[in-house]
Amino acid sequence: MSSASYLSQVVVFEQERKRKICFIAGAIGACFFLFGIVEGLIGATPALREGLPLYVICFAAFALLLLNGVRVSKRIDAAKRYETIFVADRDGVVTAEELCAQTGKSQDAVFKELETLFQKGFFQNCGLRRGGVPCVIIADAMNGESGVGFADVTCASCGATTRMRAGSRGHCPYCGKPIVDTKKQ
C-alpha cells in the first residue's frame, strides 16, 4: 500500500528537536535569571542588586529562545495541518480557495505561511505556485475530475466519509484520527 506523504519527516524531526532544545534551554535559563531578578529586587545582598542589569539582559535572551521554540512549534503544527489538506485533495491542485476555506485564513496569510514552510523544506512531492492562480500542485496526483485514483474512506472513529488517494493513509479532517484506504488500486 502506498502512503501519500507530503511532509518531510527528516525536516519535521529536526524541527521537533530544535523546538525541544529551545523549550528546555529557554525555560531553564529564563527561570534561573528570573530568580536572580527577583532576588536582586527584594534581596538584601548588594552583589545581587549590582548584577540586576545583567540578570535582566540574560533573562530576555532566554525568553527569546523560549519564544523561538513556540514559533517552531507553530510551524510544525501548520505543516501537519497543510499536509492533511494536501492528502485529501481530489484533483492534484489545491487552490487558494480550498486552502482558505480549510484554514480560515486570508489568501495572503496562507501563502505567506506556505512560502515559509516550503523554504524551510517541510514539504515534498508538491510545489507552491504563486504566479497566475496561486495554488499547491501535488506531484503524484492523478489527473482529471473523475476522481480516478481516489477512494471514499469511512473513519472508524467518527463515521465521517473522506475522499482521499486510493491505497493511502492520512487523518480524518473531522476528528483527526488516522484513516487508511485498504482497497487495492
N, C-alpha and C. Protein backbone atom coordinates (compact mmCIF):
# COMPACT_ATOMS: atom_id res chain seq x y z
N MET A 1 0.86 -1.17 0.00
CA MET A 1 0.00 0.00 0.00
C MET A 1 0.89 1.23 0.00
N SER A 2 0.58 2.21 -0.83
CA SER A 2 1.36 3.45 -0.85
C SER A 2 0.82 4.40 0.21
N SER A 3 1.68 5.28 0.64
CA SER A 3 1.28 6.27 1.62
C SER A 3 1.62 7.64 1.06
N ALA A 4 0.59 8.41 0.70
CA ALA A 4 0.82 9.75 0.19
C ALA A 4 1.39 10.58 1.32
N SER A 5 2.62 11.04 1.13
CA SER A 5 3.26 11.85 2.16
C SER A 5 3.82 13.11 1.53
N TYR A 6 3.41 14.21 2.04
CA TYR A 6 3.87 15.49 1.53
C TYR A 6 4.70 16.22 2.57
N LEU A 7 4.86 15.63 3.72
CA LEU A 7 5.62 16.22 4.81
C LEU A 7 6.95 15.49 4.91
N SER A 8 8.05 16.25 4.88
CA SER A 8 9.38 15.65 5.01
C SER A 8 9.60 15.28 6.47
N GLN A 9 9.63 13.99 6.74
CA GLN A 9 9.80 13.51 8.12
C GLN A 9 11.16 13.91 8.68
N VAL A 10 12.17 14.03 7.83
CA VAL A 10 13.50 14.45 8.27
C VAL A 10 13.45 15.88 8.79
N VAL A 11 12.81 16.76 8.05
CA VAL A 11 12.70 18.16 8.46
C VAL A 11 11.84 18.27 9.72
N VAL A 12 10.75 17.53 9.78
CA VAL A 12 9.89 17.57 10.96
C VAL A 12 10.68 17.11 12.19
N PHE A 13 11.45 16.03 12.05
CA PHE A 13 12.26 15.53 13.17
C PHE A 13 13.26 16.59 13.62
N GLU A 14 13.95 17.22 12.66
CA GLU A 14 14.93 18.26 13.00
C GLU A 14 14.25 19.45 13.69
N GLN A 15 13.09 19.84 13.20
CA GLN A 15 12.38 20.97 13.79
C GLN A 15 11.84 20.63 15.17
N GLU A 16 11.39 19.40 15.37
CA GLU A 16 10.92 18.99 16.69
C GLU A 16 12.08 18.96 17.69
N ARG A 17 13.24 18.55 17.23
CA ARG A 17 14.44 18.56 18.08
C ARG A 17 14.81 20.00 18.43
N LYS A 18 14.77 20.88 17.46
CA LYS A 18 15.06 22.29 17.70
C LYS A 18 14.07 22.89 18.70
N ARG A 19 12.79 22.53 18.54
CA ARG A 19 11.75 23.02 19.45
C ARG A 19 12.04 22.58 20.88
N LYS A 20 12.40 21.31 21.07
CA LYS A 20 12.69 20.79 22.41
C LYS A 20 13.88 21.51 23.03
N ILE A 21 14.92 21.71 22.24
CA ILE A 21 16.10 22.40 22.75
C ILE A 21 15.75 23.82 23.17
N CYS A 22 15.00 24.52 22.33
CA CYS A 22 14.60 25.89 22.65
C CYS A 22 13.75 25.94 23.91
N PHE A 23 12.79 25.02 24.02
CA PHE A 23 11.93 24.99 25.21
C PHE A 23 12.72 24.69 26.48
N ILE A 24 13.55 23.66 26.43
CA ILE A 24 14.27 23.25 27.64
C ILE A 24 15.30 24.31 28.04
N ALA A 25 16.17 24.69 27.11
CA ALA A 25 17.20 25.68 27.43
C ALA A 25 16.57 27.03 27.80
N GLY A 26 15.55 27.44 27.04
CA GLY A 26 14.89 28.71 27.32
C GLY A 26 14.21 28.73 28.67
N ALA A 27 13.53 27.65 29.01
CA ALA A 27 12.82 27.60 30.29
C ALA A 27 13.79 27.57 31.47
N ILE A 28 14.84 26.77 31.37
CA ILE A 28 15.81 26.69 32.47
C ILE A 28 16.52 28.02 32.65
N GLY A 29 17.01 28.58 31.55
CA GLY A 29 17.71 29.86 31.64
C GLY A 29 16.82 31.00 32.11
N ALA A 30 15.61 31.07 31.57
CA ALA A 30 14.68 32.14 31.96
C ALA A 30 14.33 32.03 33.43
N CYS A 31 14.08 30.83 33.92
CA CYS A 31 13.76 30.64 35.35
C CYS A 31 14.94 31.04 36.23
N PHE A 32 16.14 30.63 35.85
CA PHE A 32 17.34 30.95 36.63
C PHE A 32 17.53 32.47 36.74
N PHE A 33 17.45 33.16 35.61
CA PHE A 33 17.69 34.60 35.64
C PHE A 33 16.50 35.37 36.21
N LEU A 34 15.30 34.82 36.09
CA LEU A 34 14.15 35.45 36.74
C LEU A 34 14.32 35.39 38.25
N PHE A 35 14.82 34.27 38.73
CA PHE A 35 15.12 34.15 40.16
C PHE A 35 16.15 35.21 40.57
N GLY A 36 17.17 35.41 39.73
CA GLY A 36 18.18 36.43 40.01
C GLY A 36 17.59 37.83 40.03
N ILE A 37 16.65 38.11 39.14
CA ILE A 37 15.99 39.42 39.11
C ILE A 37 15.19 39.63 40.39
N VAL A 38 14.41 38.64 40.76
CA VAL A 38 13.58 38.74 41.98
C VAL A 38 14.47 38.92 43.20
N GLU A 39 15.51 38.12 43.31
CA GLU A 39 16.43 38.24 44.45
C GLU A 39 17.13 39.59 44.44
N GLY A 40 17.47 40.09 43.25
CA GLY A 40 18.11 41.40 43.16
C GLY A 40 17.20 42.53 43.58
N LEU A 41 15.89 42.37 43.32
CA LEU A 41 14.93 43.42 43.69
C LEU A 41 14.57 43.39 45.17
N ILE A 42 14.43 42.18 45.72
CA ILE A 42 13.99 42.11 47.12
C ILE A 42 15.09 41.67 48.08
N GLY A 43 16.21 41.20 47.56
CA GLY A 43 17.29 40.68 48.41
C GLY A 43 18.07 41.78 49.09
N ALA A 44 18.69 41.41 50.17
CA ALA A 44 19.48 42.36 50.95
C ALA A 44 20.94 42.38 50.51
N THR A 45 21.32 41.48 49.64
CA THR A 45 22.71 41.39 49.21
C THR A 45 23.01 42.45 48.14
N PRO A 46 23.98 43.33 48.37
CA PRO A 46 24.32 44.36 47.38
C PRO A 46 24.82 43.76 46.06
N ALA A 47 25.48 42.62 46.12
CA ALA A 47 26.01 42.00 44.89
C ALA A 47 24.88 41.61 43.94
N LEU A 48 23.77 41.13 44.49
CA LEU A 48 22.64 40.77 43.64
C LEU A 48 22.00 42.00 43.01
N ARG A 49 21.93 43.11 43.77
CA ARG A 49 21.37 44.34 43.21
C ARG A 49 22.26 44.89 42.11
N GLU A 50 23.56 44.78 42.29
CA GLU A 50 24.50 45.29 41.28
C GLU A 50 24.42 44.47 40.00
N GLY A 51 24.13 43.18 40.11
CA GLY A 51 24.04 42.32 38.94
C GLY A 51 22.70 42.33 38.26
N LEU A 52 21.77 43.14 38.75
CA LEU A 52 20.40 43.18 38.21
C LEU A 52 20.35 43.46 36.70
N PRO A 53 21.08 44.44 36.17
CA PRO A 53 21.02 44.68 34.71
C PRO A 53 21.46 43.45 33.90
N LEU A 54 22.48 42.76 34.38
CA LEU A 54 22.94 41.56 33.68
C LEU A 54 21.87 40.47 33.72
N TYR A 55 21.21 40.31 34.89
CA TYR A 55 20.15 39.32 35.01
C TYR A 55 19.00 39.63 34.05
N VAL A 56 18.65 40.88 33.90
CA VAL A 56 17.56 41.28 33.00
C VAL A 56 17.93 40.96 31.55
N ILE A 57 19.16 41.28 31.16
CA ILE A 57 19.61 41.01 29.79
C ILE A 57 19.62 39.51 29.51
N CYS A 58 20.15 38.74 30.44
CA CYS A 58 20.20 37.28 30.25
C CYS A 58 18.80 36.68 30.25
N PHE A 59 17.93 37.18 31.11
CA PHE A 59 16.55 36.71 31.13
C PHE A 59 15.89 36.95 29.76
N ALA A 60 16.09 38.15 29.21
CA ALA A 60 15.50 38.48 27.91
C ALA A 60 16.00 37.53 26.82
N ALA A 61 17.29 37.20 26.85
CA ALA A 61 17.85 36.30 25.84
C ALA A 61 17.21 34.91 25.93
N PHE A 62 17.08 34.40 27.15
CA PHE A 62 16.48 33.07 27.31
C PHE A 62 14.97 33.10 27.03
N ALA A 63 14.31 34.20 27.32
CA ALA A 63 12.89 34.33 26.99
C ALA A 63 12.70 34.32 25.47
N LEU A 64 13.62 34.97 24.74
CA LEU A 64 13.55 34.94 23.27
C LEU A 64 13.78 33.53 22.74
N LEU A 65 14.66 32.79 23.37
CA LEU A 65 14.88 31.40 22.98
C LEU A 65 13.61 30.58 23.19
N LEU A 66 12.95 30.81 24.29
CA LEU A 66 11.68 30.14 24.58
C LEU A 66 10.61 30.52 23.55
N LEU A 67 10.54 31.78 23.20
CA LEU A 67 9.58 32.23 22.18
C LEU A 67 9.90 31.63 20.81
N ASN A 68 11.18 31.43 20.52
CA ASN A 68 11.55 30.78 19.26
C ASN A 68 11.04 29.35 19.24
N GLY A 69 11.08 28.67 20.38
CA GLY A 69 10.51 27.32 20.47
C GLY A 69 9.03 27.32 20.18
N VAL A 70 8.32 28.34 20.64
CA VAL A 70 6.88 28.47 20.36
C VAL A 70 6.67 28.67 18.86
N ARG A 71 7.49 29.51 18.23
CA ARG A 71 7.36 29.77 16.79
C ARG A 71 7.62 28.50 15.98
N VAL A 72 8.64 27.75 16.35
CA VAL A 72 8.95 26.49 15.66
C VAL A 72 7.79 25.51 15.84
N SER A 73 7.23 25.45 17.02
CA SER A 73 6.09 24.56 17.29
C SER A 73 4.90 24.92 16.41
N LYS A 74 4.64 26.20 16.24
CA LYS A 74 3.53 26.63 15.38
C LYS A 74 3.79 26.25 13.93
N ARG A 75 5.03 26.35 13.48
CA ARG A 75 5.36 25.95 12.11
C ARG A 75 5.11 24.46 11.91
N ILE A 76 5.53 23.65 12.85
CA ILE A 76 5.34 22.20 12.75
C ILE A 76 3.85 21.88 12.68
N ASP A 77 3.07 22.49 13.55
CA ASP A 77 1.62 22.26 13.56
C ASP A 77 0.98 22.70 12.25
N ALA A 78 1.41 23.84 11.72
CA ALA A 78 0.87 24.34 10.46
C ALA A 78 1.22 23.39 9.32
N ALA A 79 2.44 22.91 9.28
CA ALA A 79 2.86 21.99 8.22
C ALA A 79 2.04 20.70 8.27
N LYS A 80 1.79 20.19 9.46
CA LYS A 80 0.98 18.98 9.59
C LYS A 80 -0.46 19.24 9.14
N ARG A 81 -0.98 20.41 9.45
CA ARG A 81 -2.35 20.76 9.05
C ARG A 81 -2.44 20.84 7.52
N TYR A 82 -1.46 21.50 6.90
CA TYR A 82 -1.48 21.61 5.44
C TYR A 82 -1.34 20.24 4.79
N GLU A 83 -0.55 19.35 5.38
CA GLU A 83 -0.42 18.02 4.78
C GLU A 83 -1.76 17.30 4.76
N THR A 84 -2.56 17.45 5.81
CA THR A 84 -3.88 16.79 5.80
C THR A 84 -4.75 17.36 4.68
N ILE A 85 -4.58 18.63 4.39
CA ILE A 85 -5.32 19.24 3.28
C ILE A 85 -4.82 18.68 1.95
N PHE A 86 -3.51 18.55 1.80
CA PHE A 86 -2.94 18.04 0.55
C PHE A 86 -3.35 16.59 0.31
N VAL A 87 -3.34 15.77 1.36
CA VAL A 87 -3.69 14.35 1.23
C VAL A 87 -5.15 14.20 0.81
N ALA A 88 -6.02 15.07 1.29
CA ALA A 88 -7.45 14.96 0.97
C ALA A 88 -7.80 15.59 -0.36
N ASP A 89 -6.85 16.19 -1.05
CA ASP A 89 -7.14 16.85 -2.33
C ASP A 89 -7.63 15.84 -3.36
N ARG A 90 -8.57 16.29 -4.20
CA ARG A 90 -9.20 15.40 -5.16
C ARG A 90 -8.63 15.45 -6.57
N ASP A 91 -7.99 16.55 -6.95
CA ASP A 91 -7.58 16.68 -8.35
C ASP A 91 -6.12 17.03 -8.56
N GLY A 92 -5.32 17.09 -7.52
CA GLY A 92 -3.90 17.37 -7.68
C GLY A 92 -3.54 18.85 -7.66
N VAL A 93 -4.54 19.72 -7.54
CA VAL A 93 -4.30 21.15 -7.46
C VAL A 93 -5.09 21.67 -6.26
N VAL A 94 -4.38 22.11 -5.24
CA VAL A 94 -5.02 22.65 -4.04
C VAL A 94 -5.08 24.16 -4.22
N THR A 95 -6.26 24.66 -4.52
CA THR A 95 -6.42 26.08 -4.85
C THR A 95 -6.39 26.95 -3.60
N ALA A 96 -6.21 28.24 -3.85
CA ALA A 96 -6.21 29.21 -2.75
C ALA A 96 -7.54 29.17 -2.01
N GLU A 97 -8.64 29.02 -2.75
CA GLU A 97 -9.95 28.97 -2.11
C GLU A 97 -10.07 27.77 -1.18
N GLU A 98 -9.57 26.61 -1.63
CA GLU A 98 -9.61 25.41 -0.78
C GLU A 98 -8.78 25.62 0.49
N LEU A 99 -7.59 26.19 0.32
CA LEU A 99 -6.70 26.41 1.46
C LEU A 99 -7.31 27.40 2.45
N CYS A 100 -7.89 28.47 1.92
CA CYS A 100 -8.51 29.49 2.79
C CYS A 100 -9.71 28.91 3.53
N ALA A 101 -10.51 28.11 2.84
CA ALA A 101 -11.69 27.52 3.47
C ALA A 101 -11.27 26.54 4.58
N GLN A 102 -10.22 25.77 4.34
CA GLN A 102 -9.78 24.77 5.31
C GLN A 102 -9.09 25.39 6.53
N THR A 103 -8.36 26.49 6.31
CA THR A 103 -7.59 27.09 7.41
C THR A 103 -8.30 28.25 8.08
N GLY A 104 -9.25 28.87 7.39
CA GLY A 104 -9.93 30.04 7.94
C GLY A 104 -9.07 31.29 7.89
N LYS A 105 -8.04 31.29 7.05
CA LYS A 105 -7.12 32.42 6.92
C LYS A 105 -7.29 33.08 5.57
N SER A 106 -6.79 34.31 5.46
CA SER A 106 -6.84 35.01 4.18
C SER A 106 -5.82 34.39 3.22
N GLN A 107 -6.00 34.66 1.93
CA GLN A 107 -5.10 34.11 0.93
C GLN A 107 -3.67 34.57 1.16
N ASP A 108 -3.50 35.86 1.49
CA ASP A 108 -2.15 36.37 1.75
C ASP A 108 -1.50 35.66 2.93
N ALA A 109 -2.27 35.44 4.00
CA ALA A 109 -1.73 34.77 5.19
C ALA A 109 -1.37 33.32 4.88
N VAL A 110 -2.22 32.64 4.13
CA VAL A 110 -1.97 31.24 3.77
C VAL A 110 -0.69 31.12 2.96
N PHE A 111 -0.56 31.94 1.93
CA PHE A 111 0.60 31.79 1.05
C PHE A 111 1.89 32.32 1.67
N LYS A 112 1.78 33.27 2.56
CA LYS A 112 2.97 33.71 3.31
C LYS A 112 3.46 32.57 4.19
N GLU A 113 2.52 31.91 4.87
CA GLU A 113 2.86 30.78 5.73
C GLU A 113 3.42 29.62 4.90
N LEU A 114 2.76 29.32 3.78
CA LEU A 114 3.23 28.23 2.92
C LEU A 114 4.62 28.51 2.35
N GLU A 115 4.89 29.75 1.96
CA GLU A 115 6.21 30.09 1.44
C GLU A 115 7.28 29.80 2.47
N THR A 116 7.02 30.19 3.71
CA THR A 116 7.98 29.92 4.78
C THR A 116 8.17 28.42 4.97
N LEU A 117 7.07 27.66 4.98
CA LEU A 117 7.16 26.22 5.18
C LEU A 117 7.88 25.53 4.02
N PHE A 118 7.63 25.96 2.79
CA PHE A 118 8.34 25.39 1.64
C PHE A 118 9.82 25.76 1.70
N GLN A 119 10.14 27.00 2.07
CA GLN A 119 11.54 27.42 2.18
C GLN A 119 12.29 26.63 3.25
N LYS A 120 11.61 26.31 4.32
CA LYS A 120 12.22 25.54 5.41
C LYS A 120 12.32 24.05 5.05
N GLY A 121 11.74 23.64 3.91
CA GLY A 121 11.85 22.25 3.46
C GLY A 121 10.86 21.28 4.06
N PHE A 122 9.77 21.79 4.61
CA PHE A 122 8.79 20.92 5.26
C PHE A 122 8.09 19.98 4.28
N PHE A 123 7.91 20.40 3.01
CA PHE A 123 7.09 19.62 2.09
C PHE A 123 7.91 18.95 1.00
N GLN A 124 7.40 17.84 0.53
CA GLN A 124 7.97 17.07 -0.58
C GLN A 124 6.83 16.59 -1.46
N ASN A 125 7.13 16.22 -2.67
CA ASN A 125 6.15 15.70 -3.63
C ASN A 125 5.04 16.70 -3.95
N CYS A 126 5.32 17.97 -3.78
CA CYS A 126 4.36 19.01 -4.13
C CYS A 126 5.13 20.32 -4.28
N GLY A 127 4.49 21.30 -4.90
CA GLY A 127 5.15 22.58 -5.11
C GLY A 127 4.18 23.74 -4.97
N LEU A 128 4.71 24.89 -4.63
CA LEU A 128 3.92 26.10 -4.44
C LEU A 128 3.98 26.94 -5.70
N ARG A 129 2.81 27.33 -6.22
CA ARG A 129 2.76 28.20 -7.40
C ARG A 129 2.11 29.51 -6.98
N ARG A 130 2.84 30.61 -7.10
CA ARG A 130 2.33 31.93 -6.72
C ARG A 130 1.82 32.70 -7.94
N GLY A 131 2.45 32.53 -9.08
CA GLY A 131 2.05 33.26 -10.28
C GLY A 131 0.75 32.71 -10.86
N GLY A 132 0.05 33.58 -11.60
CA GLY A 132 -1.23 33.15 -12.18
C GLY A 132 -2.23 32.90 -11.09
N VAL A 133 -2.75 31.68 -11.04
CA VAL A 133 -3.68 31.30 -9.99
C VAL A 133 -2.86 30.63 -8.88
N PRO A 134 -2.73 31.26 -7.71
CA PRO A 134 -1.93 30.66 -6.65
C PRO A 134 -2.52 29.33 -6.19
N CYS A 135 -1.65 28.34 -6.05
CA CYS A 135 -2.11 27.02 -5.61
C CYS A 135 -0.92 26.17 -5.21
N VAL A 136 -1.22 24.99 -4.71
CA VAL A 136 -0.20 23.97 -4.44
C VAL A 136 -0.46 22.85 -5.43
N ILE A 137 0.58 22.46 -6.15
CA ILE A 137 0.49 21.38 -7.14
C ILE A 137 1.01 20.10 -6.49
N ILE A 138 0.17 19.07 -6.49
CA ILE A 138 0.54 17.77 -5.93
C ILE A 138 1.22 16.97 -7.03
N ALA A 139 2.47 16.56 -6.79
CA ALA A 139 3.27 15.91 -7.83
C ALA A 139 2.76 14.54 -8.22
N ASP A 140 2.22 13.76 -7.29
CA ASP A 140 1.84 12.38 -7.60
C ASP A 140 0.34 12.19 -7.77
N ALA A 141 -0.38 13.27 -8.04
CA ALA A 141 -1.84 13.17 -8.15
C ALA A 141 -2.25 12.65 -9.52
N MET A 142 -3.38 12.00 -9.56
CA MET A 142 -3.97 11.56 -10.81
C MET A 142 -4.71 12.74 -11.43
N ASN A 143 -4.65 12.89 -12.71
CA ASN A 143 -5.33 13.99 -13.38
C ASN A 143 -6.80 13.69 -13.61
N GLY A 144 -7.57 14.74 -13.72
CA GLY A 144 -8.97 14.59 -14.09
C GLY A 144 -9.90 14.78 -12.92
N GLU A 145 -11.09 15.21 -13.22
CA GLU A 145 -12.11 15.45 -12.21
C GLU A 145 -12.87 14.18 -11.84
N SER A 146 -12.65 13.10 -12.56
CA SER A 146 -13.42 11.88 -12.33
C SER A 146 -13.06 11.20 -11.01
N GLY A 147 -11.94 11.61 -10.43
CA GLY A 147 -11.56 11.00 -9.17
C GLY A 147 -10.81 9.71 -9.34
N VAL A 148 -10.29 9.43 -10.53
CA VAL A 148 -9.52 8.22 -10.73
C VAL A 148 -8.32 8.25 -9.79
N GLY A 149 -8.12 7.16 -9.09
CA GLY A 149 -7.02 7.12 -8.14
C GLY A 149 -7.43 7.57 -6.75
N PHE A 150 -8.72 7.80 -6.54
CA PHE A 150 -9.22 8.25 -5.25
C PHE A 150 -10.27 7.28 -4.73
N ALA A 151 -10.47 7.29 -3.41
CA ALA A 151 -11.47 6.42 -2.81
C ALA A 151 -12.17 7.16 -1.68
N ASP A 152 -13.41 6.79 -1.42
CA ASP A 152 -14.14 7.31 -0.27
C ASP A 152 -13.83 6.39 0.90
N VAL A 153 -13.28 6.96 1.98
CA VAL A 153 -12.88 6.19 3.15
C VAL A 153 -13.71 6.65 4.34
N THR A 154 -14.28 5.68 5.06
CA THR A 154 -15.09 5.98 6.24
C THR A 154 -14.21 5.87 7.48
N CYS A 155 -14.24 6.90 8.30
CA CYS A 155 -13.47 6.93 9.54
C CYS A 155 -14.08 5.97 10.55
N ALA A 156 -13.25 5.11 11.11
CA ALA A 156 -13.72 4.14 12.09
C ALA A 156 -14.12 4.81 13.40
N SER A 157 -13.57 5.98 13.67
CA SER A 157 -13.86 6.66 14.94
C SER A 157 -15.15 7.46 14.92
N CYS A 158 -15.31 8.31 13.88
CA CYS A 158 -16.48 9.19 13.89
C CYS A 158 -17.51 8.87 12.81
N GLY A 159 -17.15 7.99 11.86
CA GLY A 159 -18.08 7.60 10.82
C GLY A 159 -18.14 8.54 9.62
N ALA A 160 -17.35 9.62 9.63
CA ALA A 160 -17.36 10.56 8.51
C ALA A 160 -16.69 9.93 7.30
N THR A 161 -17.14 10.33 6.12
CA THR A 161 -16.55 9.84 4.88
C THR A 161 -15.65 10.91 4.30
N THR A 162 -14.44 10.49 3.92
CA THR A 162 -13.44 11.40 3.36
C THR A 162 -12.94 10.83 2.06
N ARG A 163 -12.78 11.69 1.07
CA ARG A 163 -12.23 11.27 -0.22
C ARG A 163 -10.72 11.49 -0.16
N MET A 164 -9.96 10.42 -0.46
CA MET A 164 -8.51 10.52 -0.43
C MET A 164 -7.91 9.59 -1.49
N ARG A 165 -6.62 9.70 -1.70
CA ARG A 165 -5.96 8.86 -2.69
C ARG A 165 -6.12 7.39 -2.34
N ALA A 166 -6.42 6.60 -3.34
CA ALA A 166 -6.59 5.16 -3.13
C ALA A 166 -5.28 4.56 -2.62
N GLY A 167 -5.41 3.68 -1.64
CA GLY A 167 -4.24 2.99 -1.10
C GLY A 167 -3.38 3.84 -0.20
N SER A 168 -3.85 5.00 0.23
CA SER A 168 -3.02 5.87 1.07
C SER A 168 -3.56 5.94 2.48
N ARG A 169 -2.85 6.67 3.32
CA ARG A 169 -3.28 6.88 4.70
C ARG A 169 -3.20 8.36 5.01
N GLY A 170 -3.97 8.78 5.99
CA GLY A 170 -3.99 10.18 6.39
C GLY A 170 -4.71 10.32 7.71
N HIS A 171 -5.26 11.50 7.95
CA HIS A 171 -6.01 11.78 9.18
C HIS A 171 -7.39 12.28 8.79
N CYS A 172 -8.38 11.87 9.55
CA CYS A 172 -9.75 12.31 9.32
C CYS A 172 -9.82 13.82 9.53
N PRO A 173 -10.36 14.56 8.56
CA PRO A 173 -10.44 16.01 8.72
C PRO A 173 -11.48 16.44 9.76
N TYR A 174 -12.30 15.51 10.20
CA TYR A 174 -13.35 15.84 11.17
C TYR A 174 -12.92 15.58 12.61
N CYS A 175 -12.32 14.41 12.87
CA CYS A 175 -11.94 14.08 14.25
C CYS A 175 -10.43 13.97 14.45
N GLY A 176 -9.65 13.93 13.36
CA GLY A 176 -8.20 13.89 13.47
C GLY A 176 -7.60 12.52 13.66
N LYS A 177 -8.43 11.48 13.73
CA LYS A 177 -7.92 10.11 13.92
C LYS A 177 -7.34 9.59 12.60
N PRO A 178 -6.38 8.66 12.68
CA PRO A 178 -5.80 8.08 11.47
C PRO A 178 -6.85 7.32 10.65
N ILE A 179 -6.77 7.48 9.32
CA ILE A 179 -7.62 6.72 8.41
C ILE A 179 -6.75 6.11 7.33
N VAL A 180 -7.17 4.95 6.83
CA VAL A 180 -6.39 4.22 5.84
C VAL A 180 -7.34 3.65 4.80
N ASP A 181 -6.96 3.80 3.50
CA ASP A 181 -7.73 3.13 2.47
C ASP A 181 -7.07 1.79 2.24
N THR A 182 -7.79 0.72 2.53
CA THR A 182 -7.23 -0.63 2.46
C THR A 182 -7.52 -1.31 1.13
N LYS A 183 -8.28 -0.64 0.26
CA LYS A 183 -8.60 -1.25 -1.05
C LYS A 183 -7.39 -1.14 -1.97
N LYS A 184 -7.22 -2.15 -2.80
CA LYS A 184 -6.14 -2.15 -3.80
C LYS A 184 -6.48 -1.17 -4.90
N GLN A 185 -5.44 -0.53 -5.45
CA GLN A 185 -5.67 0.42 -6.54
C GLN A 185 -5.94 -0.33 -7.84
